[in-house]
Amino acid sequence: MVPTNSATYPSQAPPFAVIGLLSLSEKVRGNEVKSCRMYAGKRIDEIAQGARGGFVRSTFLLAVFLLAGCTNLDKALGLGDGGGGTPKNATVSGPYTVVATSTKNNSMASIYVNITMPSGTSLSGTPSTLVCQGNIVANCVGNDPPVSTDTFIGTVSGNNVQINISYVNTQGTDTITLTGTVSGVSISGTYTDSQGDAGTWTATQSGSPAGTFSGSLNSTSNPLTIPPTMTAVITEGQNFTLTGTATISNWSCFTSLDFSDGLAIGGAFTLIDSTNSVVIIGVPSGAKTFSIGYQVGSSGPACAGDHGTGTLTIQ
């Protein structure tokens, strides 16, 4: 005899384990529904219609079991993002350093870019994008409109990306097509270009170039026996903007610089002292070191037209 306060199973309802395992797996494998959540709701309705008395409590627990398990089951079976929808696209946004290595001539190029996502499926690099052949500052092109502006556009589908980069080199306009796969904050894949090159590439998110730097620089056209030394303090603001100051010793051109304008570009940076018409570009050459190039404009109050290179280390 069954106690009056015990739950009773309706004759048409199979045991819990059979419902939760056999029927669910059969329905999903048979593709009779598109996701676990849809089928779970259907089975819960069927079971609830046959529930009586205390069995309502068991029906509630079954609902929790089926719905809570759908997230992982959907993912495991490739039926969506765990919510019955389509897989989400990877997020690719922020400062990136791209290194492209040729498999035809062993050359390499570094591409420094700040990436935005105008939509969930599209990528865009800001107009400041730099392409530096051999990662040599003197070879960097871009971030100098209208003289030199690189374009960087792409698409995302799941974890797959395709990116097109166009820039001007000594052979004319080159368009690089990169295809790859996102893994966390890194991307890797292969590329071809419109000038016959091909190879592999990797991209990693870059840290901020802000901080205290020290190092030296020297003129290319009028080098000094003892290179001038420089200490700079750089601060990063919103939208990758940089400002800062620098003190310089043993240089007849300038003893200090005031960078009222600047920009972090991927792992690289630019600094501009408008008053003295000085522009500095830095690209990473090590974990904490940067190779720099400077140019004094033709309207500079001192050493007009001078240019040179140097090295800075972040403290």
Protein backbone atom coordinates (compact mmCIF):
# COMPACT_ATOMS: atom_id res chain seq x y z
CA MET A 1 0.00 0.00 0.00
CA VAL A 2 1.34 3.43 -1.00
CA PRO A 3 1.20 6.15 1.72
CA THR A 4 -1.22 8.95 0.87
CA ASN A 5 1.50 11.63 1.09
CA SER A 6 3.83 9.89 -1.38
CA ALA A 7 4.23 10.98 -4.97
CA THR A 8 2.65 8.70 -7.56
CA TYR A 9 3.89 8.40 -11.14
CA PRO A 10 1.24 8.49 -13.85
CA SER A 11 1.17 5.27 -15.77
CA GLN A 12 2.22 6.94 -19.00
CA ALA A 13 5.27 8.70 -17.52
CA PRO A 14 8.55 6.72 -17.75
CA PRO A 15 11.13 6.91 -14.94
CA PHE A 16 13.13 10.13 -14.52
CA ALA A 17 16.42 8.63 -15.77
CA VAL A 18 14.79 7.40 -18.96
CA ILE A 19 13.27 10.83 -19.65
CA GLY A 20 16.45 12.71 -18.86
CA LEU A 21 18.84 10.48 -20.80
CA LEU A 22 17.19 8.21 -23.38
CA SER A 23 14.45 10.45 -24.73
CA LEU A 24 16.55 13.62 -24.71
CA SER A 25 19.53 12.09 -26.48
CA GLU A 26 17.25 10.34 -28.98
CA LYS A 27 15.45 13.53 -29.88
CA VAL A 28 18.64 15.61 -30.20
CA ARG A 29 20.47 13.01 -32.27
CA GLY A 30 17.46 12.66 -34.52
CA ASN A 31 17.49 16.40 -35.21
CA GLU A 32 13.76 16.58 -34.42
CA VAL A 33 14.46 19.85 -32.60
CA LYS A 34 17.16 22.48 -33.08
CA SER A 35 18.26 22.90 -29.50
CA CYS A 36 18.11 21.29 -26.09
CA ARG A 37 16.01 24.13 -24.68
CA MET A 38 13.26 23.64 -27.23
CA TYR A 39 13.06 19.94 -26.51
CA ALA A 40 13.31 20.39 -22.74
CA GLY A 41 10.30 22.71 -22.81
CA LYS A 42 8.35 20.25 -24.92
CA ARG A 43 9.06 17.32 -22.58
CA ILE A 44 8.30 19.37 -19.47
CA ASP A 45 4.88 20.28 -20.89
CA GLU A 46 4.15 16.63 -21.70
CA ILE A 47 5.19 15.42 -18.26
CA ALA A 48 3.33 18.20 -16.43
CA GLN A 49 0.11 17.23 -18.20
CA GLY A 50 0.35 13.80 -16.63
CA ALA A 51 1.52 14.97 -13.20
CA ARG A 52 -0.70 14.50 -10.14
CA GLY A 53 -0.34 15.52 -6.49
CA GLY A 54 3.20 15.40 -5.17
CA PHE A 55 4.58 14.59 -8.62
CA VAL A 56 4.39 18.34 -9.41
CA ARG A 57 7.49 18.77 -7.25
CA SER A 58 9.35 16.16 -9.29
CA THR A 59 8.25 17.89 -12.49
CA PHE A 60 9.72 21.16 -11.22
CA LEU A 61 13.03 19.49 -10.39
CA LEU A 62 13.08 17.88 -13.82
CA ALA A 63 12.57 21.27 -15.43
CA VAL A 64 15.52 22.70 -13.53
CA PHE A 65 17.67 19.69 -14.51
CA LEU A 66 16.85 19.87 -18.20
CA LEU A 67 17.11 23.64 -18.61
CA ALA A 68 20.25 24.05 -16.51
CA GLY A 69 21.95 21.31 -18.47
CA CYS A 70 21.07 22.76 -21.85
CA THR A 71 23.84 25.34 -21.88
CA ASN A 72 26.67 22.81 -21.81
CA LEU A 73 24.78 20.23 -23.89
CA ASP A 74 24.05 22.72 -26.66
CA LYS A 75 27.72 23.68 -26.76
CA ALA A 76 28.91 20.08 -26.74
CA LEU A 77 26.57 19.15 -29.59
CA GLY A 78 27.35 22.31 -31.56
CA LEU A 79 23.74 23.45 -31.42
CA GLY A 80 24.42 27.10 -30.62
CA ASP A 81 25.92 29.36 -28.02
CA GLY A 82 24.21 27.64 -25.09
CA GLY A 83 21.16 29.82 -25.39
CA GLY A 84 19.76 28.31 -28.56
CA GLY A 85 21.31 31.04 -30.77
CA THR A 86 24.11 31.06 -33.29
CA PRO A 87 27.81 30.91 -32.28
CA LYS A 88 29.22 34.28 -31.23
CA ASN A 89 31.95 35.97 -33.23
CA ALA A 90 35.29 36.56 -31.59
CA THR A 91 36.00 40.04 -30.26
CA VAL A 92 39.06 41.61 -31.88
CA SER A 93 39.53 45.11 -30.54
CA GLY A 94 42.30 47.27 -29.12
CA PRO A 95 46.01 47.79 -29.86
CA TYR A 96 47.64 44.98 -31.83
CA THR A 97 51.09 44.24 -33.20
CA VAL A 98 51.08 42.07 -36.33
CA VAL A 99 54.26 40.31 -37.48
CA ALA A 100 54.22 38.94 -41.03
CA THR A 101 57.06 36.59 -42.01
CA SER A 102 57.64 35.71 -45.65
CA THR A 103 58.14 32.07 -46.60
CA LYS A 104 59.60 33.16 -49.95
CA ASN A 105 62.44 35.49 -48.98
CA ASN A 106 62.67 35.33 -45.15
CA SER A 107 61.80 39.02 -44.84
CA MET A 108 59.43 40.31 -42.18
CA ALA A 109 57.23 43.30 -41.56
CA SER A 110 55.65 44.66 -38.41
CA ILE A 111 52.20 46.22 -38.57
CA TYR A 112 51.06 48.40 -35.68
CA VAL A 113 47.33 49.05 -35.51
CA ASN A 114 44.48 50.03 -33.20
CA ILE A 115 41.53 47.83 -34.15
CA THR A 116 37.86 48.69 -33.71
CA MET A 117 34.76 46.63 -34.49
CA PRO A 118 32.14 48.82 -36.22
CA SER A 119 29.83 45.79 -36.08
CA GLY A 120 29.91 42.26 -34.73
CA THR A 121 31.28 40.97 -38.03
CA SER A 122 33.63 43.73 -39.23
CA LEU A 123 37.08 45.00 -38.25
CA SER A 124 38.67 48.35 -38.96
CA GLY A 125 42.09 49.77 -38.24
CA THR A 126 42.40 53.45 -37.38
CA PRO A 127 44.07 55.74 -39.99
CA SER A 128 47.20 55.82 -37.81
CA THR A 129 48.16 52.25 -38.83
CA LEU A 130 51.92 51.80 -39.40
CA VAL A 131 53.60 49.22 -41.66
CA CYS A 132 57.33 48.88 -40.92
CA GLN A 133 59.41 46.66 -43.20
CA GLY A 134 62.02 44.82 -41.16
CA ASN A 135 60.64 46.63 -38.09
CA ILE A 136 63.01 49.49 -38.98
CA VAL A 137 61.75 52.95 -38.00
CA ALA A 138 63.04 54.56 -41.19
CA ASN A 139 60.95 52.08 -43.22
CA CYS A 140 57.65 52.80 -41.45
CA VAL A 141 54.87 54.13 -43.67
CA GLY A 142 51.44 55.39 -42.68
CA ASN A 143 50.05 57.83 -40.11
CA ASP A 144 50.98 60.72 -42.41
CA PRO A 145 47.87 61.72 -44.39
CA PRO A 146 47.57 62.63 -47.17
CA VAL A 147 51.15 61.63 -47.99
CA SER A 148 50.94 58.12 -46.56
CA THR A 149 47.86 56.42 -45.09
CA ASP A 150 47.46 52.66 -44.69
CA THR A 151 44.06 50.95 -44.80
CA PHE A 152 43.15 48.00 -42.56
CA ILE A 153 39.74 46.34 -42.91
CA GLY A 154 38.48 42.85 -42.17
CA THR A 155 35.68 40.50 -41.20
CA VAL A 156 35.05 38.05 -38.36
CA SER A 157 33.05 34.82 -38.53
CA GLY A 158 33.18 32.75 -35.37
CA ASN A 159 36.89 32.54 -34.56
CA ASN A 160 37.95 33.06 -38.17
CA VAL A 161 39.19 36.40 -39.51
CA GLN A 162 40.12 37.80 -42.89
CA ILE A 163 41.97 41.11 -43.08
CA ASN A 164 43.08 43.27 -46.01
CA ILE A 165 45.89 45.80 -45.52
CA SER A 166 46.89 48.24 -48.25
CA TYR A 167 49.97 50.44 -48.09
CA VAL A 168 52.54 51.99 -50.42
CA ASN A 169 56.07 50.56 -50.73
CA THR A 170 58.88 51.01 -53.23
CA GLN A 171 57.05 48.82 -55.76
CA GLY A 172 53.77 50.71 -55.52
CA THR A 173 50.58 49.89 -53.63
CA ASP A 174 50.65 46.49 -51.98
CA THR A 175 47.54 44.76 -50.62
CA ILE A 176 48.08 41.99 -48.09
CA THR A 177 45.31 39.46 -47.45
CA LEU A 178 45.59 37.73 -44.09
CA THR A 179 43.43 34.79 -43.00
CA GLY A 180 43.66 33.37 -39.53
CA THR A 181 42.12 32.08 -36.33
CA VAL A 182 41.55 33.94 -33.07
CA SER A 183 42.77 32.30 -29.87
CA GLY A 184 42.20 34.50 -26.83
CA VAL A 185 44.00 37.79 -27.47
CA SER A 186 46.20 36.31 -30.21
CA ILE A 187 45.60 35.63 -33.89
CA SER A 188 47.65 33.54 -36.32
CA GLY A 189 47.38 32.37 -39.90
CA THR A 190 48.76 32.75 -43.41
CA TYR A 191 48.88 35.61 -45.92
CA THR A 192 49.37 36.44 -49.58
CA ASP A 193 49.90 39.83 -51.17
CA SER A 194 49.34 41.52 -54.50
CA GLN A 195 53.08 41.64 -55.25
CA GLY A 196 53.61 37.87 -55.17
CA ASP A 197 54.69 37.35 -51.57
CA ALA A 198 53.24 34.81 -49.11
CA GLY A 199 53.92 33.65 -45.59
CA THR A 200 52.66 33.35 -42.04
CA TRP A 201 51.56 35.94 -39.51
CA THR A 202 50.78 36.39 -35.86
CA ALA A 203 49.07 39.20 -33.99
CA THR A 204 49.12 39.92 -30.28
CA GLN A 205 47.53 42.60 -28.17
CA SER A 206 49.98 45.29 -27.13
CA GLY A 207 50.52 46.98 -23.81
CA SER A 208 50.62 50.72 -23.22
CA PRO A 209 53.87 52.52 -24.13
CA ALA A 210 53.36 54.98 -21.29
CA GLY A 211 55.94 55.36 -18.53
CA THR A 212 59.41 56.76 -17.89
CA PHE A 213 61.95 56.24 -20.67
CA SER A 214 65.69 56.81 -20.83
CA GLY A 215 68.18 56.39 -23.64
CA SER A 216 70.10 58.20 -26.33
CA LEU A 217 69.68 59.59 -29.83
CA ASN A 218 71.99 60.94 -32.49
CA SER A 219 71.76 62.81 -35.74
CA THR A 220 72.13 60.87 -38.95
CA SER A 221 73.40 63.83 -40.95
CA ASN A 222 75.51 65.45 -38.18
CA PRO A 223 76.34 62.72 -35.65
CA LEU A 224 78.02 63.65 -32.38
CA THR A 225 80.94 61.75 -30.91
CA ILE A 226 79.07 61.58 -27.61
CA PRO A 227 75.39 60.93 -28.39
CA PRO A 228 72.84 63.12 -26.59
CA THR A 229 70.93 61.39 -23.78
CA MET A 230 67.19 61.73 -23.21
CA THR A 231 64.78 61.05 -20.37
CA ALA A 232 61.04 61.18 -21.18
CA VAL A 233 57.89 60.77 -19.11
CA ILE A 234 54.89 59.71 -21.21
CA THR A 235 51.24 59.47 -20.12
CA GLU A 236 48.41 57.75 -22.02
CA GLY A 237 44.94 59.29 -22.07
CA GLN A 238 41.70 58.27 -23.76
CA ASN A 239 41.58 56.85 -27.28
CA PHE A 240 45.29 55.96 -27.25
CA THR A 241 46.43 59.60 -26.98
CA LEU A 242 49.87 60.32 -25.50
CA THR A 243 51.35 63.42 -23.88
CA GLY A 244 54.60 64.00 -22.04
CA THR A 245 57.89 65.83 -21.63
CA ALA A 246 61.55 65.08 -22.23
CA THR A 247 64.88 66.48 -21.05
CA ILE A 248 67.94 66.14 -23.28
CA SER A 249 71.62 66.50 -22.42
CA ASN A 250 74.58 67.20 -24.75
CA TRP A 251 72.42 68.37 -27.65
CA SER A 252 72.80 71.81 -29.12
CA CYS A 253 69.42 71.60 -30.87
CA PHE A 254 67.12 71.28 -27.84
CA THR A 255 67.45 70.79 -24.09
CA SER A 256 63.79 69.89 -23.55
CA LEU A 257 60.72 68.85 -25.51
CA ASP A 258 57.03 69.18 -24.68
CA PHE A 259 54.90 66.51 -26.35
CA SER A 260 51.43 68.05 -26.50
CA ASP A 261 50.31 65.48 -29.04
CA GLY A 262 51.02 61.80 -29.52
CA LEU A 263 49.44 58.44 -30.15
CA ALA A 264 49.91 54.82 -29.09
CA ILE A 265 49.59 52.68 -32.24
CA GLY A 266 49.54 49.00 -31.43
CA GLY A 267 52.88 48.49 -29.66
CA ALA A 268 54.40 51.56 -31.34
CA PHE A 269 54.00 55.28 -30.63
CA THR A 270 54.37 58.78 -32.03
CA LEU A 271 55.19 61.94 -30.06
CA ILE A 272 54.92 65.49 -31.39
CA ASP A 273 56.35 68.75 -30.05
CA SER A 274 54.52 71.29 -32.21
CA THR A 275 56.43 74.29 -30.86
CA ASN A 276 59.83 72.89 -31.82
CA SER A 277 58.49 71.00 -34.87
CA VAL A 278 59.85 67.67 -33.62
CA VAL A 279 58.25 64.29 -34.38
CA ILE A 280 59.41 61.04 -32.77
CA ILE A 281 58.33 57.54 -33.84
CA GLY A 282 59.11 54.52 -31.66
CA VAL A 283 58.71 50.82 -32.43
CA PRO A 284 59.36 47.99 -29.95
CA SER A 285 62.70 46.24 -30.37
CA GLY A 286 62.55 44.17 -27.17
CA ALA A 287 60.44 43.56 -24.08
CA LYS A 288 61.21 47.04 -22.71
CA THR A 289 63.20 48.73 -25.47
CA PHE A 290 62.13 50.89 -28.39
CA SER A 291 63.97 51.94 -31.52
CA ILE A 292 63.16 55.57 -32.26
CA GLY A 293 63.50 57.93 -35.16
CA TYR A 294 63.15 61.69 -34.95
CA GLN A 295 62.61 64.43 -37.50
CA VAL A 296 62.87 68.19 -37.05
CA GLY A 297 60.57 70.02 -39.45
CA SER A 298 61.77 72.59 -41.92
CA SER A 299 60.09 75.30 -39.82
CA GLY A 300 61.80 74.24 -36.59
CA PRO A 301 63.38 77.05 -34.54
CA ALA A 302 66.64 75.07 -34.31
CA CYS A 303 68.34 72.37 -36.39
CA ALA A 304 65.62 72.57 -39.06
CA GLY A 305 65.54 69.46 -41.22
CA ASP A 306 67.70 67.40 -38.88
CA HIS A 307 66.81 63.74 -38.37
CA GLY A 308 68.28 60.77 -36.56
CA THR A 309 67.74 57.56 -34.61
CA GLY A 310 68.13 56.27 -31.09
CA THR A 311 67.07 53.78 -28.45
CA LEU A 312 64.82 54.22 -25.42
CA THR A 313 64.22 51.83 -22.55
CA ILE A 314 61.14 51.97 -20.37
CA GLN A 315 61.97 51.94 -16.66
